[in-house]
Amino acid sequence: MNFSFRTNPYPLTLLTALMAAAAGTCMADPYETEDNRRPAAATWCADRCDAVVTDWSLTALQVITVADGYQNPLTATRSLAMMHLAMHDAANAARPRYQRYAPAATSAGTVKADAAVAAAAAAYAVLAALYPQPPVAALIQAQLDRTLVEAGVGPEVAAGQALGRAAAAAVLAKRSNDGSTGNELYVEGTQPGQYRFTPPFNFVLAPHWRKVTPFALASAAQFRTAPPPALASEPYRRDFDEIERMGGKGTGTHRSADQTNYAAFWYEFADITWNRIARASAGRVKQNLWDRARTFALLNSALADGYIAGWDSKFFHNFWRPVTAVHLAGNDGNPNTAPNAAFDPLLTTPPVPETPSTHSVLSMAAATVLAQAYGSDRVPFSLASSTALPGNPVRSYRSFGDAARENADSRVRAGVHFRSATTAGLEMGRQIGQYASRNALQRQYGAAAQEE
């Protein structure tokens, strides 16, 4: 699928905006026994084994950009979730600490596999299967070679590579019939409130995605949002008025300069931004290999499920976007709204129905997962964005929640979502993040944690 939002007026210099991942250090694990400390430890990476996870997170972004320009965030989040789940499973097959997503992979014989090598080999195998293009092959081989050169040779390293390949194969097999390759005809609406195609698009993006099997959720409809406000209601009138005042292009807008800045800053795909946030904040929060692998696996599962669940609600409600609503206000049955044919949103409206805002869903889901994994929401960080305006290339935040709420507000300032859609998105994201954190990849205790 050749899909892109690159019709917006802000340059997408993705590669120049990438932030280097800060490597964290390992913490002592209170559940680690003397038995599984002795030869299985990856001594070559010592207290920085978790950097394998952040390194491959950045490599995956580069891979998807090389393969297809990162044009489709739906397929990208599926790939990222699969890669990080395979890394998590490989590390936990080598030395069990957390439940695995696809537990078919087992430890390689009597030799204790190197867990960091296993994680790297799993990432390589997933990306190689999903992106067979020759430029990608060279990129991921170089990243794997960096690990293998440092790890050296020996039975633990060989066993780690075999275990990583097995973990990747199990994840790939589990997702092989998840509905992601489906197709579905969509016919735009004709009645007031029904979704119409938004300029410059004459299609909707992947309506079948609402039927894709989630990664952590029980079903796509598990946290389906409430309907948007009725067209004749006062809440709808308030949403309408705010968009017309705050979300337009050119003269007459009531946005502040900073609101315009963060409208552009957060226009980048939320999955790119929140993986960058996770890498940027990794240096402030110490985690060992297993905890870092779990954090990124949960994060990317929640991001992928945010799109799947968001698509379920979007197409269930099938509500029109603000640009359509303002242009066709003469037919909405609300005496307090008036059509404005000159209204043009600040940024290009994505080609999917309105409720909820999936930028808001993904942001709060990610913020919730990271706060749970790091033990606090209040982790300060700074980051860049590929869609930032030249005068505001970097923004700083005191907490994950602050960033998520600004992201949601940015969609109103950009003119692409009503306030009610962002409010619904934040609540859905909170529910997804909490559910994933509490139910997926949980800690193993006792005998189960010793099996190898």
Protein backbone atom coordinates (compact mmCIF):
# COMPACT_ATOMS: atom_id res chain seq x y z
CA MET A 1 0.00 0.00 0.00
CA ASN A 2 1.45 3.37 -1.01
CA PHE A 3 0.10 5.67 1.68
CA SER A 4 1.57 8.82 3.07
CA PHE A 5 0.60 12.04 4.82
CA ARG A 6 3.44 13.81 3.08
CA THR A 7 1.08 16.34 1.51
CA ASN A 8 1.35 18.49 4.65
CA PRO A 9 3.34 21.75 4.45
CA TYR A 10 6.04 20.71 6.91
CA PRO A 11 9.15 18.85 5.71
CA LEU A 12 9.50 15.25 6.84
CA THR A 13 13.24 14.96 7.33
CA LEU A 14 12.91 11.77 9.32
CA LEU A 15 16.47 10.57 9.41
CA THR A 16 17.87 13.94 10.49
CA ALA A 17 15.44 14.06 13.40
CA LEU A 18 16.32 10.68 14.89
CA MET A 19 17.61 10.86 18.44
CA ALA A 20 20.38 8.53 19.53
CA ALA A 21 19.25 5.90 22.00
CA ALA A 22 20.70 6.30 25.45
CA ALA A 23 21.92 3.00 26.84
CA GLY A 24 20.66 2.08 30.31
CA THR A 25 22.38 -0.17 32.84
CA CYS A 26 21.24 -3.38 34.41
CA MET A 27 19.75 -3.61 37.88
CA ALA A 28 20.03 -6.56 40.19
CA ASP A 29 17.05 -8.87 39.82
CA PRO A 30 15.57 -10.02 43.14
CA TYR A 31 14.12 -13.12 41.46
CA GLU A 32 17.41 -14.22 39.91
CA THR A 33 18.83 -17.36 41.50
CA GLU A 34 22.44 -18.45 41.81
CA ASP A 35 21.72 -21.18 39.28
CA ASN A 36 20.52 -18.92 36.51
CA ARG A 37 23.25 -16.35 37.20
CA ARG A 38 26.06 -18.76 36.47
CA PRO A 39 27.17 -19.34 32.92
CA ALA A 40 24.04 -17.91 31.19
CA ALA A 41 24.93 -14.30 31.95
CA ALA A 42 25.98 -12.32 28.87
CA THR A 43 29.26 -11.10 30.33
CA TRP A 44 30.34 -9.45 27.09
CA CYS A 45 27.71 -6.72 27.52
CA ALA A 46 27.96 -6.60 31.32
CA ASP A 47 25.80 -3.80 32.70
CA ARG A 48 24.60 -2.53 29.31
CA CYS A 49 22.86 -5.61 27.91
CA ASP A 50 19.58 -3.71 27.66
CA ALA A 51 21.14 -1.55 24.95
CA VAL A 52 20.54 -4.47 22.58
CA VAL A 53 16.82 -3.62 22.81
CA THR A 54 17.16 0.13 22.23
CA ASP A 55 19.69 -0.43 19.42
CA TRP A 56 17.27 -2.68 17.56
CA SER A 57 14.40 -0.27 18.19
CA LEU A 58 16.31 2.39 16.27
CA THR A 59 17.39 -0.11 13.61
CA ALA A 60 13.76 -1.13 13.07
CA LEU A 61 12.80 2.50 12.43
CA GLN A 62 15.58 2.74 9.86
CA VAL A 63 14.54 -0.57 8.29
CA ILE A 64 10.92 0.48 7.79
CA THR A 65 12.03 3.84 6.42
CA VAL A 66 14.37 2.17 3.93
CA ALA A 67 11.79 -0.45 2.96
CA ASP A 68 8.75 1.75 2.32
CA GLY A 69 9.40 5.25 3.60
CA TYR A 70 7.41 4.47 6.77
CA GLN A 71 4.28 5.33 4.82
CA ASN A 72 1.82 3.09 6.67
CA PRO A 73 1.80 3.26 10.47
CA LEU A 74 -0.56 0.27 10.74
CA THR A 75 1.82 -2.22 9.18
CA ALA A 76 4.77 -0.52 10.87
CA THR A 77 3.35 -0.99 14.38
CA ARG A 78 2.57 -4.62 13.62
CA SER A 79 6.21 -5.15 12.59
CA LEU A 80 7.57 -3.33 15.64
CA ALA A 81 5.37 -5.31 18.02
CA MET A 82 6.42 -8.60 16.41
CA MET A 83 10.11 -7.76 16.58
CA HIS A 84 10.05 -6.66 20.21
CA LEU A 85 7.89 -9.59 21.28
CA ALA A 86 10.35 -11.97 19.63
CA MET A 87 13.25 -10.27 21.45
CA HIS A 88 11.36 -10.57 24.74
CA ASP A 89 10.54 -14.23 24.10
CA ALA A 90 14.12 -15.07 23.12
CA ALA A 91 15.58 -13.56 26.29
CA ASN A 92 12.99 -15.34 28.42
CA ALA A 93 13.55 -18.64 26.66
CA ALA A 94 17.23 -18.34 27.57
CA ARG A 95 16.50 -17.46 31.20
CA PRO A 96 12.79 -17.41 32.09
CA ARG A 97 11.53 -14.43 34.02
CA TYR A 98 8.38 -13.32 32.22
CA GLN A 99 5.65 -15.17 30.36
CA ARG A 100 6.25 -15.36 26.64
CA TYR A 101 3.97 -14.23 23.83
CA ALA A 102 4.64 -17.24 21.59
CA PRO A 103 6.18 -19.83 23.93
CA ALA A 104 7.05 -22.45 21.33
CA ALA A 105 10.70 -21.44 21.50
CA THR A 106 12.69 -23.33 24.13
CA SER A 107 16.25 -23.18 25.38
CA ALA A 108 18.81 -24.83 23.14
CA GLY A 109 19.70 -28.16 24.71
CA THR A 110 21.93 -28.33 27.79
CA VAL A 111 23.98 -25.26 26.84
CA LYS A 112 22.82 -22.05 28.48
CA ALA A 113 22.11 -19.65 25.64
CA ASP A 114 23.42 -16.09 25.69
CA ALA A 115 20.22 -14.09 26.26
CA ALA A 116 21.44 -10.85 24.66
CA VAL A 117 22.58 -12.68 21.53
CA ALA A 118 19.23 -14.51 21.46
CA ALA A 119 17.35 -11.20 21.57
CA ALA A 120 19.47 -9.73 18.76
CA ALA A 121 19.09 -12.84 16.60
CA ALA A 122 15.31 -12.77 17.11
CA ALA A 123 15.10 -9.13 16.01
CA TYR A 124 17.19 -9.90 12.93
CA ALA A 125 15.05 -12.89 11.94
CA VAL A 126 11.73 -11.03 12.27
CA LEU A 127 12.88 -8.03 10.26
CA ALA A 128 14.47 -10.27 7.62
CA ALA A 129 11.17 -12.11 7.18
CA LEU A 130 9.01 -8.98 7.04
CA TYR A 131 11.31 -6.83 4.89
CA PRO A 132 13.23 -8.94 2.35
CA GLN A 133 14.52 -5.96 0.33
CA PRO A 134 18.32 -6.11 -0.29
CA PRO A 135 19.06 -2.72 1.34
CA VAL A 136 17.32 -3.94 4.49
CA ALA A 137 19.31 -7.17 4.47
CA ALA A 138 22.56 -5.22 4.54
CA LEU A 139 21.32 -2.93 7.31
CA ILE A 140 20.15 -5.65 9.68
CA GLN A 141 23.17 -7.87 9.00
CA ALA A 142 25.44 -5.01 10.01
CA GLN A 143 23.47 -4.52 13.23
CA LEU A 144 23.60 -8.24 14.08
CA ASP A 145 27.31 -8.38 13.27
CA ARG A 146 27.98 -5.61 15.81
CA THR A 147 26.48 -7.82 18.51
CA LEU A 148 28.27 -10.97 17.38
CA VAL A 149 31.66 -9.26 17.14
CA GLU A 150 31.32 -8.09 20.73
CA ALA A 151 29.89 -11.39 21.98
CA GLY A 152 32.63 -13.46 20.41
CA VAL A 153 32.36 -17.20 19.81
CA GLY A 154 31.42 -20.10 21.97
CA PRO A 155 28.59 -22.54 22.63
CA GLU A 156 26.51 -19.96 24.53
CA VAL A 157 26.65 -17.55 21.59
CA ALA A 158 25.73 -20.27 19.08
CA ALA A 159 22.88 -21.44 21.30
CA GLY A 160 21.68 -17.83 21.61
CA GLN A 161 21.51 -17.44 17.85
CA ALA A 162 19.54 -20.67 17.48
CA LEU A 163 17.18 -19.67 20.26
CA GLY A 164 16.60 -16.23 18.74
CA ARG A 165 15.72 -17.76 15.38
CA ALA A 166 13.28 -20.13 17.09
CA ALA A 167 11.62 -17.29 19.02
CA ALA A 168 11.23 -15.26 15.83
CA ALA A 169 9.74 -18.23 13.97
CA ALA A 170 7.19 -18.74 16.74
CA VAL A 171 6.07 -15.11 16.67
CA LEU A 172 5.92 -15.06 12.86
CA ALA A 173 3.83 -18.23 12.88
CA LYS A 174 1.44 -16.87 15.50
CA ARG A 175 0.83 -13.71 13.43
CA SER A 176 0.70 -15.40 10.03
CA ASN A 177 -3.11 -15.38 9.83
CA ASP A 178 -3.91 -12.32 11.92
CA GLY A 179 -6.00 -10.56 9.25
CA SER A 180 -3.42 -7.93 8.38
CA THR A 181 -3.33 -8.91 4.70
CA GLY A 182 -7.07 -8.52 4.25
CA ASN A 183 -8.90 -6.07 2.04
CA GLU A 184 -12.28 -4.43 2.26
CA LEU A 185 -14.38 -2.14 0.07
CA TYR A 186 -15.45 1.12 1.70
CA VAL A 187 -18.18 3.43 0.38
CA GLU A 188 -18.22 6.96 1.77
CA GLY A 189 -21.35 8.25 3.48
CA THR A 190 -23.99 10.62 2.15
CA GLN A 191 -25.98 11.51 5.28
CA PRO A 192 -25.19 14.32 7.75
CA GLY A 193 -22.48 13.19 10.16
CA GLN A 194 -21.30 10.28 8.02
CA TYR A 195 -17.67 10.14 6.98
CA ARG A 196 -16.68 11.59 3.61
CA PHE A 197 -13.26 11.38 1.96
CA THR A 198 -11.07 14.30 3.04
CA PRO A 199 -8.85 16.35 0.71
CA PRO A 200 -6.60 15.36 -0.97
CA PHE A 201 -7.57 11.70 -0.53
CA ASN A 202 -10.20 9.70 -2.41
CA PHE A 203 -9.97 6.61 -0.18
CA VAL A 204 -9.87 5.48 3.43
CA LEU A 205 -6.84 3.74 4.86
CA ALA A 206 -7.22 0.01 5.45
CA PRO A 207 -10.80 -0.33 6.78
CA HIS A 208 -10.09 -4.03 7.35
CA TRP A 209 -7.56 -3.19 10.07
CA ARG A 210 -10.31 -3.19 12.68
CA LYS A 211 -10.48 -6.97 12.15
CA VAL A 212 -6.78 -7.64 12.77
CA THR A 213 -6.08 -9.84 15.80
CA PRO A 214 -4.84 -7.66 18.67
CA PHE A 215 -1.55 -8.36 20.45
CA ALA A 216 -2.55 -7.81 24.08
CA LEU A 217 -6.27 -7.02 24.01
CA ALA A 218 -8.92 -9.73 24.09
CA SER A 219 -10.70 -8.12 21.12
CA ALA A 220 -10.61 -4.96 19.02
CA ALA A 221 -13.97 -3.87 20.47
CA GLN A 222 -12.93 -4.43 24.10
CA PHE A 223 -12.73 -0.70 24.86
CA ARG A 224 -14.91 0.65 22.05
CA THR A 225 -15.60 4.35 22.55
CA ALA A 226 -18.98 5.98 23.10
CA PRO A 227 -20.56 7.65 20.06
CA PRO A 228 -19.53 11.21 19.18
CA PRO A 229 -21.89 14.03 20.24
CA ALA A 230 -25.19 14.24 18.37
CA LEU A 231 -25.12 16.82 15.58
CA ALA A 232 -27.91 18.92 17.11
CA SER A 233 -26.37 18.93 20.60
CA GLU A 234 -24.59 21.69 22.49
CA PRO A 235 -21.40 19.56 22.95
CA TYR A 236 -21.19 19.23 19.16
CA ARG A 237 -21.64 22.99 18.78
CA ARG A 238 -18.75 23.56 21.21
CA ASP A 239 -16.51 21.14 19.32
CA PHE A 240 -17.45 22.78 16.04
CA ASP A 241 -16.78 26.31 17.34
CA GLU A 242 -13.39 25.36 18.77
CA ILE A 243 -12.21 23.79 15.53
CA GLU A 244 -13.30 26.75 13.44
CA ARG A 245 -11.53 29.18 15.81
CA MET A 246 -8.40 27.14 16.55
CA GLY A 247 -7.81 24.66 13.76
CA GLY A 248 -7.76 26.66 10.56
CA LYS A 249 -5.03 27.84 8.27
CA GLY A 250 -4.18 31.48 7.57
CA THR A 251 -5.72 34.56 9.15
CA GLY A 252 -8.46 34.54 11.76
CA THR A 253 -7.12 31.72 13.88
CA HIS A 254 -6.95 32.08 17.66
CA ARG A 255 -4.01 29.67 18.08
CA SER A 256 -0.96 30.87 19.96
CA ALA A 257 2.48 30.54 18.39
CA ASP A 258 3.26 27.65 20.72
CA GLN A 259 0.03 25.86 19.84
CA THR A 260 0.99 26.08 16.18
CA ASN A 261 4.43 24.74 17.08
CA TYR A 262 3.16 21.67 18.87
CA ALA A 263 0.45 21.05 16.27
CA ALA A 264 3.28 20.57 13.77
CA PHE A 265 5.62 18.80 16.21
CA TRP A 266 3.15 16.00 17.01
CA TYR A 267 1.97 15.53 13.43
CA GLU A 268 4.58 12.81 13.04
CA PHE A 269 3.18 9.28 13.39
CA ALA A 270 2.66 8.63 17.10
CA ASP A 271 4.35 5.22 16.95
CA ILE A 272 7.58 6.80 15.71
CA THR A 273 7.46 9.46 18.40
CA TRP A 274 6.72 7.13 21.33
CA ASN A 275 9.45 4.67 20.43
CA ARG A 276 11.80 7.65 20.31
CA ILE A 277 10.52 8.75 23.73
CA ALA A 278 11.13 5.24 25.09
CA ARG A 279 14.70 5.31 23.80
CA ALA A 280 15.32 8.84 25.07
CA SER A 281 14.01 8.02 28.55
CA ALA A 282 15.85 4.68 28.77
CA GLY A 283 19.00 6.43 29.94
CA ARG A 284 17.15 7.87 32.93
CA VAL A 285 15.61 4.59 34.12
CA LYS A 286 17.86 1.59 34.73
CA GLN A 287 16.56 -1.75 33.49
CA ASN A 288 18.23 -5.07 32.80
CA LEU A 289 17.86 -6.87 29.49
CA TRP A 290 14.68 -8.71 30.49
CA ASP A 291 12.89 -5.66 31.85
CA ARG A 292 13.90 -3.47 28.91
CA ALA A 293 12.79 -6.13 26.43
CA ARG A 294 9.44 -6.41 28.22
CA THR A 295 9.01 -2.62 28.31
CA PHE A 296 9.49 -2.29 24.56
CA ALA A 297 7.38 -5.37 23.84
CA LEU A 298 4.49 -4.02 25.90
CA LEU A 299 4.91 -0.53 24.45
CA ASN A 300 4.75 -1.70 20.86
CA SER A 301 1.95 -4.18 21.54
CA ALA A 302 -0.08 -1.31 23.03
CA LEU A 303 0.73 0.94 20.07
CA ALA A 304 -0.32 -1.74 17.59
CA ASP A 305 -3.49 -2.46 19.56
CA GLY A 306 -4.19 1.26 19.72
CA TYR A 307 -4.53 1.32 15.94
CA ILE A 308 -6.55 -1.90 15.84
CA ALA A 309 -8.98 -0.82 18.56
CA GLY A 310 -9.04 2.74 17.25
CA TRP A 311 -9.97 1.50 13.78
CA ASP A 312 -12.76 -0.61 15.30
CA SER A 313 -14.35 2.46 16.89
CA LYS A 314 -13.64 4.74 13.95
CA PHE A 315 -15.45 2.56 11.44
CA PHE A 316 -18.18 1.58 13.90
CA HIS A 317 -19.15 5.24 14.41
CA ASN A 318 -18.15 6.32 10.86
CA PHE A 319 -18.29 10.01 11.86
CA TRP A 320 -17.20 12.85 9.61
CA ARG A 321 -13.99 14.80 10.13
CA PRO A 322 -13.95 18.54 11.04
CA VAL A 323 -13.12 19.73 7.52
CA THR A 324 -16.24 18.00 6.20
CA ALA A 325 -18.36 19.13 9.15
CA VAL A 326 -17.48 22.80 8.68
CA HIS A 327 -18.04 22.71 4.93
CA LEU A 328 -21.41 20.93 5.23
CA ALA A 329 -22.69 22.58 8.41
CA GLY A 330 -25.76 23.84 6.57
CA ASN A 331 -27.04 20.25 6.54
CA ASP A 332 -26.19 19.17 10.11
CA GLY A 333 -29.53 20.21 11.70
CA ASN A 334 -27.80 22.36 14.33
CA PRO A 335 -29.07 25.98 14.24
CA ASN A 336 -25.91 27.16 16.01
CA THR A 337 -23.42 26.02 13.35
CA ALA A 338 -22.90 27.65 9.98
CA PRO A 339 -21.07 26.41 6.90
CA ASN A 340 -17.68 27.91 6.05
CA ALA A 341 -16.47 26.84 2.62
CA ALA A 342 -13.20 28.73 3.15
CA PHE A 343 -12.17 26.66 6.17
CA ASP A 344 -8.96 24.73 5.57
CA PRO A 345 -7.37 22.81 8.46
CA LEU A 346 -3.84 23.76 9.42
CA LEU A 347 -2.59 20.26 8.56
CA THR A 348 -3.82 17.57 6.20
CA THR A 349 -6.59 15.41 7.63
CA PRO A 350 -5.70 11.68 7.66
CA PRO A 351 -8.01 9.52 5.49
CA VAL A 352 -10.00 7.71 8.21
CA PRO A 353 -13.18 8.46 10.19
CA GLU A 354 -13.15 10.70 13.24
CA THR A 355 -13.79 9.03 16.60
CA PRO A 356 -11.48 8.37 18.38
CA SER A 357 -8.28 10.27 17.63
CA THR A 358 -5.75 7.46 17.34
CA HIS A 359 -2.89 9.90 17.98
CA SER A 360 -4.53 10.37 21.38
CA VAL A 361 -5.11 6.62 21.81
CA LEU A 362 -1.52 5.67 21.05
CA SER A 363 -0.05 8.47 23.11
CA MET A 364 -1.92 7.67 26.31
CA ALA A 365 -1.47 3.92 25.81
CA ALA A 366 2.28 4.46 25.47
CA ALA A 367 2.44 6.90 28.38
CA THR A 368 0.56 4.43 30.60
CA VAL A 369 2.81 1.49 29.68
CA LEU A 370 6.00 3.49 30.20
CA ALA A 371 4.82 4.87 33.55
CA GLN A 372 4.00 1.34 34.72
CA ALA A 373 7.27 -0.13 33.44
CA TYR A 374 9.46 2.65 34.84
CA GLY A 375 7.61 2.97 38.12
CA SER A 376 6.66 6.63 37.62
CA ASP A 377 4.94 8.87 35.12
CA ARG A 378 7.26 11.74 36.04
CA VAL A 379 10.28 10.91 33.90
CA PRO A 380 11.56 14.09 32.20
CA PHE A 381 12.80 13.92 28.62
CA SER A 382 13.42 15.99 25.52
CA LEU A 383 12.97 14.94 21.93
CA ALA A 384 12.93 16.09 18.32
CA SER A 385 10.32 15.44 15.66
CA SER A 386 10.56 14.97 11.91
CA THR A 387 7.57 17.31 11.42
CA ALA A 388 8.71 20.09 13.78
CA LEU A 389 8.80 23.66 12.56
CA PRO A 390 12.33 25.09 12.18
CA GLY A 391 11.85 27.46 15.11
CA ASN A 392 10.85 24.68 17.51
CA PRO A 393 12.90 21.56 16.68
CA VAL A 394 13.01 20.13 20.22
CA ARG A 395 10.44 20.04 23.01
CA SER A 396 10.84 18.98 26.63
CA TYR A 397 8.37 17.32 29.01
CA ARG A 398 8.20 16.61 32.73
CA SER A 399 6.21 13.41 32.35
CA PHE A 400 4.83 10.90 29.86
CA GLY A 401 1.29 12.02 30.69
CA ASP A 402 2.08 15.65 29.90
CA ALA A 403 3.40 14.63 26.49
CA ALA A 404 0.35 12.46 25.76
CA ARG A 405 -2.07 15.24 26.63
CA GLU A 406 -0.20 17.78 24.50
CA ASN A 407 -0.24 15.29 21.62
CA ALA A 408 -4.02 14.96 21.95
CA ASP A 409 -4.50 18.73 22.08
CA SER A 410 -2.30 19.13 19.01
CA ARG A 411 -4.91 17.36 16.89
CA VAL A 412 -7.46 20.06 17.68
CA ARG A 413 -4.94 22.85 17.01
CA ALA A 414 -4.09 21.16 13.70
CA GLY A 415 -7.78 21.19 12.73
CA VAL A 416 -7.93 17.44 12.14
CA HIS A 417 -9.98 16.28 15.16
CA PHE A 418 -12.83 17.52 17.33
CA ARG A 419 -12.12 17.78 21.07
CA SER A 420 -14.53 14.91 21.82
CA ALA A 421 -12.46 12.56 19.63
CA THR A 422 -9.27 13.38 21.52
CA THR A 423 -10.98 12.97 24.90
CA ALA A 424 -12.32 9.58 23.83
CA GLY A 425 -8.88 8.65 22.50
CA LEU A 426 -7.09 9.47 25.73
CA GLU A 427 -9.52 7.31 27.70
CA MET A 428 -9.22 4.40 25.28
CA GLY A 429 -5.43 4.68 25.39
CA ARG A 430 -5.41 4.64 29.19
CA GLN A 431 -7.53 1.47 29.17
CA ILE A 432 -5.31 -0.24 26.58
CA GLY A 433 -2.12 0.68 28.42
CA GLN A 434 -3.45 -0.53 31.76
CA TYR A 435 -4.80 -3.77 30.33
CA ALA A 436 -1.55 -4.60 28.52
CA SER A 437 0.57 -3.80 31.57
CA ARG A 438 -1.57 -5.89 33.92
CA ASN A 439 -2.28 -8.89 31.71
CA ALA A 440 0.50 -9.43 29.17
CA LEU A 441 4.02 -10.85 29.67
CA GLN A 442 3.63 -11.22 33.41
CA ARG A 443 6.33 -12.24 35.87
CA GLN A 444 6.93 -15.98 36.32
CA TYR A 445 7.72 -17.34 39.76
CA GLY A 446 8.97 -20.59 41.25
CA ALA A 447 9.43 -23.63 39.08
CA ALA A 448 8.10 -21.95 35.97
CA ALA A 449 10.84 -19.33 36.20
CA GLN A 450 13.55 -22.00 36.32
CA GLU A 451 12.63 -24.06 33.28
CA GLU A 452 15.27 -23.92 30.58
